[in-house]
Amino acid sequence: MADDLSLSDFTPGEKARLALLTARMAKRGIAGMDVDIRDLQRKAERIEDQARRRKQKP
């Protein structure tokens, strides 16, 4: 998670989606080091970007 965001900056839906993505990344990590998780990382980054944009609005 980005340093400028706290857990309260995310909506409940975003928190759930991030938890699910983290679990999926962990499952792929168990499968081996050669398994690519970049697609899941990009999805998590998009959720963080969405929360960051919402936080910056006046």
PDB file of N, CA and C in Angstrom:
ATOM      1  N   MET A   1       0.842  -1.166   0.000  1.00  0.00           N
ATOM      2  CA  MET A   1       0.000   0.000   0.000  1.00  0.00           C
ATOM      3  C   MET A   1       0.894   1.237   0.000  1.00  0.00           C
ATOM      4  N   ALA A   2       0.458   2.258  -0.632  1.00  0.00           N
ATOM      5  CA  ALA A   2       1.242   3.487  -0.752  1.00  0.00           C
ATOM      6  C   ALA A   2       1.375   4.177   0.596  1.00  0.00           C
ATOM      7  N   ASP A   3       2.459   4.915   0.778  1.00  0.00           N
ATOM      8  CA  ASP A   3       2.731   5.563   2.057  1.00  0.00           C
ATOM      9  C   ASP A   3       1.755   6.681   2.373  1.00  0.00           C
ATOM     10  N   ASP A   4       1.229   7.355   1.352  1.00  0.00           N
ATOM     11  CA  ASP A   4       0.371   8.498   1.604  1.00  0.00           C
ATOM     12  C   ASP A   4      -1.088   8.111   1.830  1.00  0.00           C
ATOM     13  N   LEU A   5      -1.397   6.833   1.814  1.00  0.00           N
ATOM     14  CA  LEU A   5      -2.760   6.365   2.035  1.00  0.00           C
ATOM     15  C   LEU A   5      -2.838   5.600   3.345  1.00  0.00           C
ATOM     16  N   SER A   6      -3.950   5.775   4.041  1.00  0.00           N
ATOM     17  CA  SER A   6      -4.201   4.972   5.227  1.00  0.00           C
ATOM     18  C   SER A   6      -5.391   4.073   4.938  1.00  0.00           C
ATOM     19  N   LEU A   7      -5.643   3.160   5.808  1.00  0.00           N
ATOM     20  CA  LEU A   7      -6.725   2.212   5.598  1.00  0.00           C
ATOM     21  C   LEU A   7      -8.083   2.912   5.540  1.00  0.00           C
ATOM     22  N   SER A   8      -8.211   4.024   6.229  1.00  0.00           N
ATOM     23  CA  SER A   8      -9.485   4.750   6.238  1.00  0.00           C
ATOM     24  C   SER A   8      -9.761   5.473   4.912  1.00  0.00           C
ATOM     25  N   ASP A   9      -8.773   5.570   4.050  1.00  0.00           N
ATOM     26  CA  ASP A   9      -8.964   6.216   2.749  1.00  0.00           C
ATOM     27  C   ASP A   9      -9.655   5.311   1.734  1.00  0.00           C
ATOM     28  N   PHE A  10      -9.767   4.029   2.049  1.00  0.00           N
ATOM     29  CA  PHE A  10     -10.389   3.071   1.147  1.00  0.00           C
ATOM     30  C   PHE A  10     -11.839   2.829   1.546  1.00  0.00           C
ATOM     31  N   THR A  11     -12.680   2.589   0.553  1.00  0.00           N
ATOM     32  CA  THR A  11     -14.066   2.230   0.818  1.00  0.00           C
ATOM     33  C   THR A  11     -14.097   0.765   1.249  1.00  0.00           C
ATOM     34  N   PRO A  12     -15.183   0.326   1.874  1.00  0.00           N
ATOM     35  CA  PRO A  12     -15.264  -1.097   2.252  1.00  0.00           C
ATOM     36  C   PRO A  12     -15.123  -2.039   1.057  1.00  0.00           C
ATOM     37  N   GLY A  13     -15.660  -1.661  -0.074  1.00  0.00           N
ATOM     38  CA  GLY A  13     -15.529  -2.486  -1.266  1.00  0.00           C
ATOM     39  C   GLY A  13     -14.097  -2.584  -1.745  1.00  0.00           C
ATOM     40  N   GLU A  14     -13.380  -1.461  -1.676  1.00  0.00           N
ATOM     41  CA  GLU A  14     -11.973  -1.464  -2.083  1.00  0.00           C
ATOM     42  C   GLU A  14     -11.136  -2.310  -1.128  1.00  0.00           C
ATOM     43  N   LYS A  15     -11.442  -2.242   0.157  1.00  0.00           N
ATOM     44  CA  LYS A  15     -10.725  -3.058   1.135  1.00  0.00           C
ATOM     45  C   LYS A  15     -10.934  -4.537   0.843  1.00  0.00           C
ATOM     46  N   ALA A  16     -12.156  -4.903   0.518  1.00  0.00           N
ATOM     47  CA  ALA A  16     -12.461  -6.304   0.215  1.00  0.00           C
ATOM     48  C   ALA A  16     -11.739  -6.749  -1.050  1.00  0.00           C
ATOM     49  N   ARG A  17     -11.743  -5.899  -2.076  1.00  0.00           N
ATOM     50  CA  ARG A  17     -11.066  -6.246  -3.323  1.00  0.00           C
ATOM     51  C   ARG A  17      -9.561  -6.379  -3.117  1.00  0.00           C
ATOM     52  N   LEU A  18      -8.978  -5.482  -2.305  1.00  0.00           N
ATOM     53  CA  LEU A  18      -7.545  -5.572  -2.020  1.00  0.00           C
ATOM     54  C   LEU A  18      -7.222  -6.848  -1.244  1.00  0.00           C
ATOM     55  N   ALA A  19      -8.091  -7.219  -0.309  1.00  0.00           N
ATOM     56  CA  ALA A  19      -7.873  -8.456   0.450  1.00  0.00           C
ATOM     57  C   ALA A  19      -7.919  -9.669  -0.474  1.00  0.00           C
ATOM     58  N   LEU A  20      -8.872  -9.673  -1.384  1.00  0.00           N
ATOM     59  CA  LEU A  20      -8.993 -10.779  -2.328  1.00  0.00           C
ATOM     60  C   LEU A  20      -7.772 -10.847  -3.253  1.00  0.00           C
ATOM     61  N   LEU A  21      -7.345  -9.695  -3.746  1.00  0.00           N
ATOM     62  CA  LEU A  21      -6.165  -9.680  -4.619  1.00  0.00           C
ATOM     63  C   LEU A  21      -4.919 -10.143  -3.871  1.00  0.00           C
ATOM     64  N   THR A  22      -4.791  -9.747  -2.605  1.00  0.00           N
ATOM     65  CA  THR A  22      -3.641 -10.170  -1.802  1.00  0.00           C
ATOM     66  C   THR A  22      -3.653 -11.681  -1.611  1.00  0.00           C
ATOM     67  N   ALA A  23      -4.827 -12.230  -1.359  1.00  0.00           N
ATOM     68  CA  ALA A  23      -4.942 -13.685  -1.207  1.00  0.00           C
ATOM     69  C   ALA A  23      -4.589 -14.399  -2.510  1.00  0.00           C
ATOM     70  N   ARG A  24      -5.041 -13.857  -3.632  1.00  0.00           N
ATOM     71  CA  ARG A  24      -4.722 -14.471  -4.924  1.00  0.00           C
ATOM     72  C   ARG A  24      -3.221 -14.399  -5.209  1.00  0.00           C
ATOM     73  N   MET A  25      -2.576 -13.270  -4.831  1.00  0.00           N
ATOM     74  CA  MET A  25      -1.126 -13.155  -5.024  1.00  0.00           C
ATOM     75  C   MET A  25      -0.397 -14.187  -4.166  1.00  0.00           C
ATOM     76  N   ALA A  26      -0.875 -14.366  -2.937  1.00  0.00           N
ATOM     77  CA  ALA A  26      -0.240 -15.344  -2.047  1.00  0.00           C
ATOM     78  C   ALA A  26      -0.399 -16.757  -2.602  1.00  0.00           C
ATOM     79  N   LYS A  27      -1.563 -17.061  -3.128  1.00  0.00           N
ATOM     80  CA  LYS A  27      -1.803 -18.389  -3.698  1.00  0.00           C
ATOM     81  C   LYS A  27      -0.877 -18.643  -4.881  1.00  0.00           C
ATOM     82  N   ARG A  28      -0.709 -17.629  -5.721  1.00  0.00           N
ATOM     83  CA  ARG A  28       0.212 -17.779  -6.854  1.00  0.00           C
ATOM     84  C   ARG A  28       1.650 -17.886  -6.378  1.00  0.00           C
ATOM     85  N   GLY A  29       1.966 -17.185  -5.297  1.00  0.00           N
ATOM     86  CA  GLY A  29       3.316 -17.263  -4.748  1.00  0.00           C
ATOM     87  C   GLY A  29       3.650 -18.652  -4.246  1.00  0.00           C
ATOM     88  N   ILE A  30       2.649 -19.334  -3.704  1.00  0.00           N
ATOM     89  CA  ILE A  30       2.854 -20.703  -3.247  1.00  0.00           C
ATOM     90  C   ILE A  30       3.150 -21.618  -4.432  1.00  0.00           C
ATOM     91  N   ALA A  31       2.567 -21.296  -5.578  1.00  0.00           N
ATOM     92  CA  ALA A  31       2.751 -22.122  -6.765  1.00  0.00           C
ATOM     93  C   ALA A  31       4.197 -22.117  -7.261  1.00  0.00           C
ATOM     94  N   GLY A  32       4.939 -21.073  -6.945  1.00  0.00           N
ATOM     95  CA  GLY A  32       6.347 -21.042  -7.344  1.00  0.00           C
ATOM     96  C   GLY A  32       6.808 -19.644  -7.674  1.00  0.00           C
ATOM     97  N   MET A  33       8.108 -19.500  -7.738  1.00  0.00           N
ATOM     98  CA  MET A  33       8.703 -18.196  -8.008  1.00  0.00           C
ATOM     99  C   MET A  33       8.569 -17.793  -9.474  1.00  0.00           C
ATOM    100  N   ASP A  34       8.335 -18.729 -10.348  1.00  0.00           N
ATOM    101  CA  ASP A  34       8.257 -18.411 -11.771  1.00  0.00           C
ATOM    102  C   ASP A  34       6.848 -18.010 -12.204  1.00  0.00           C
ATOM    103  N   VAL A  35       5.886 -17.967 -11.271  1.00  0.00           N
ATOM    104  CA  VAL A  35       4.512 -17.589 -11.585  1.00  0.00           C
ATOM    105  C   VAL A  35       4.407 -16.071 -11.568  1.00  0.00           C
ATOM    106  N   ASP A  36       3.829 -15.515 -12.605  1.00  0.00           N
ATOM    107  CA  ASP A  36       3.724 -14.065 -12.761  1.00  0.00           C
ATOM    108  C   ASP A  36       2.516 -13.511 -11.997  1.00  0.00           C
ATOM    109  N   ILE A  37       2.747 -12.518 -11.136  1.00  0.00           N
ATOM    110  CA  ILE A  37       1.650 -11.895 -10.383  1.00  0.00           C
ATOM    111  C   ILE A  37       1.480 -10.421 -10.751  1.00  0.00           C
ATOM    112  N   ARG A  38       2.143  -9.982 -11.804  1.00  0.00           N
ATOM    113  CA  ARG A  38       2.097  -8.565 -12.169  1.00  0.00           C
ATOM    114  C   ARG A  38       0.691  -8.086 -12.499  1.00  0.00           C
ATOM    115  N   ASP A  39      -0.144  -8.947 -13.088  1.00  0.00           N
ATOM    116  CA  ASP A  39      -1.498  -8.529 -13.408  1.00  0.00           C
ATOM    117  C   ASP A  39      -2.288  -8.199 -12.142  1.00  0.00           C
ATOM    118  N   LEU A  40      -2.101  -8.985 -11.104  1.00  0.00           N
ATOM    119  CA  LEU A  40      -2.798  -8.716  -9.846  1.00  0.00           C
ATOM    120  C   LEU A  40      -2.226  -7.472  -9.157  1.00  0.00           C
ATOM    121  N   GLN A  41      -0.929  -7.263  -9.274  1.00  0.00           N
ATOM    122  CA  GLN A  41      -0.317  -6.065  -8.704  1.00  0.00           C
ATOM    123  C   GLN A  41      -0.838  -4.805  -9.384  1.00  0.00           C
ATOM    124  N   ARG A  42      -1.017  -4.865 -10.700  1.00  0.00           N
ATOM    125  CA  ARG A  42      -1.549  -3.701 -11.426  1.00  0.00           C
ATOM    126  C   ARG A  42      -2.979  -3.398 -10.986  1.00  0.00           C
ATOM    127  N   LYS A  43      -3.776  -4.440 -10.771  1.00  0.00           N
ATOM    128  CA  LYS A  43      -5.147  -4.228 -10.295  1.00  0.00           C
ATOM    129  C   LYS A  43      -5.144  -3.564  -8.926  1.00  0.00           C
ATOM    130  N   ALA A  44      -4.259  -4.001  -8.039  1.00  0.00           N
ATOM    131  CA  ALA A  44      -4.163  -3.405  -6.712  1.00  0.00           C
ATOM    132  C   ALA A  44      -3.700  -1.947  -6.810  1.00  0.00           C
ATOM    133  N   GLU A  45      -2.770  -1.670  -7.703  1.00  0.00           N
ATOM    134  CA  GLU A  45      -2.295  -0.297  -7.891  1.00  0.00           C
ATOM    135  C   GLU A  45      -3.405   0.613  -8.410  1.00  0.00           C
ATOM    136  N   ARG A  46      -4.256   0.081  -9.288  1.00  0.00           N
ATOM    137  CA  ARG A  46      -5.384   0.889  -9.780  1.00  0.00           C
ATOM    138  C   ARG A  46      -6.347   1.240  -8.654  1.00  0.00           C
ATOM    139  N   ILE A  47      -6.589   0.304  -7.751  1.00  0.00           N
ATOM    140  CA  ILE A  47      -7.461   0.580  -6.609  1.00  0.00           C
ATOM    141  C   ILE A  47      -6.830   1.654  -5.729  1.00  0.00           C
ATOM    142  N   GLU A  48      -5.525   1.558  -5.494  1.00  0.00           N
ATOM    143  CA  GLU A  48      -4.822   2.563  -4.704  1.00  0.00           C
ATOM    144  C   GLU A  48      -4.864   3.926  -5.382  1.00  0.00           C
ATOM    145  N   ASP A  49      -4.679   3.951  -6.691  1.00  0.00           N
ATOM    146  CA  ASP A  49      -4.742   5.215  -7.433  1.00  0.00           C
ATOM    147  C   ASP A  49      -6.118   5.847  -7.317  1.00  0.00           C
ATOM    148  N   GLN A  50      -7.151   5.027  -7.388  1.00  0.00           N
ATOM    149  CA  GLN A  50      -8.521   5.515  -7.252  1.00  0.00           C
ATOM    150  C   GLN A  50      -8.732   6.159  -5.879  1.00  0.00           C
ATOM    151  N   ALA A  51      -8.246   5.515  -4.831  1.00  0.00           N
ATOM    152  CA  ALA A  51      -8.371   6.066  -3.478  1.00  0.00           C
ATOM    153  C   ALA A  51      -7.546   7.341  -3.334  1.00  0.00           C
ATOM    154  N   ARG A  52      -6.373   7.365  -3.941  1.00  0.00           N
ATOM    155  CA  ARG A  52      -5.516   8.551  -3.873  1.00  0.00           C
ATOM    156  C   ARG A  52      -6.174   9.746  -4.575  1.00  0.00           C
ATOM    157  N   ARG A  53      -6.797   9.516  -5.748  1.00  0.00           N
ATOM    158  CA  ARG A  53      -7.476  10.600  -6.447  1.00  0.00           C
ATOM    159  C   ARG A  53      -8.659  11.125  -5.628  1.00  0.00           C
ATOM    160  N   ARG A  54      -9.390  10.212  -5.010  1.00  0.00           N
ATOM    161  CA  ARG A  54     -10.533  10.613  -4.197  1.00  0.00           C
ATOM    162  C   ARG A  54     -10.062  11.421  -2.986  1.00  0.00           C
ATOM    163  N   LYS A  55      -8.935  11.064  -2.417  1.00  0.00           N
ATOM    164  CA  LYS A  55      -8.393  11.765  -1.242  1.00  0.00           C
ATOM    165  C   LYS A  55      -7.945  13.180  -1.619  1.00  0.00           C
ATOM    166  N   GLN A  56      -7.433  13.360  -2.826  1.00  0.00           N
ATOM    167  CA  GLN A  56      -6.897  14.654  -3.233  1.00  0.00           C
ATOM    168  C   GLN A  56      -7.978  15.648  -3.630  1.00  0.00           C
ATOM    169  N   LYS A  57      -9.192  15.177  -3.886  1.00  0.00           N
ATOM    170  CA  LYS A  57     -10.267  16.104  -4.253  1.00  0.00           C
ATOM    171  C   LYS A  57     -10.587  17.009  -3.067  1.00  0.00           C
ATOM    172  N   PRO A  58     -10.808  18.295  -3.347  1.00  0.00           N
ATOM    173  CA  PRO A  58     -11.103  19.235  -2.246  1.00  0.00           C
ATOM    174  C   PRO A  58     -12.456  19.049  -1.627  1.00  0.00           C
TER     175      PRO A  58
END
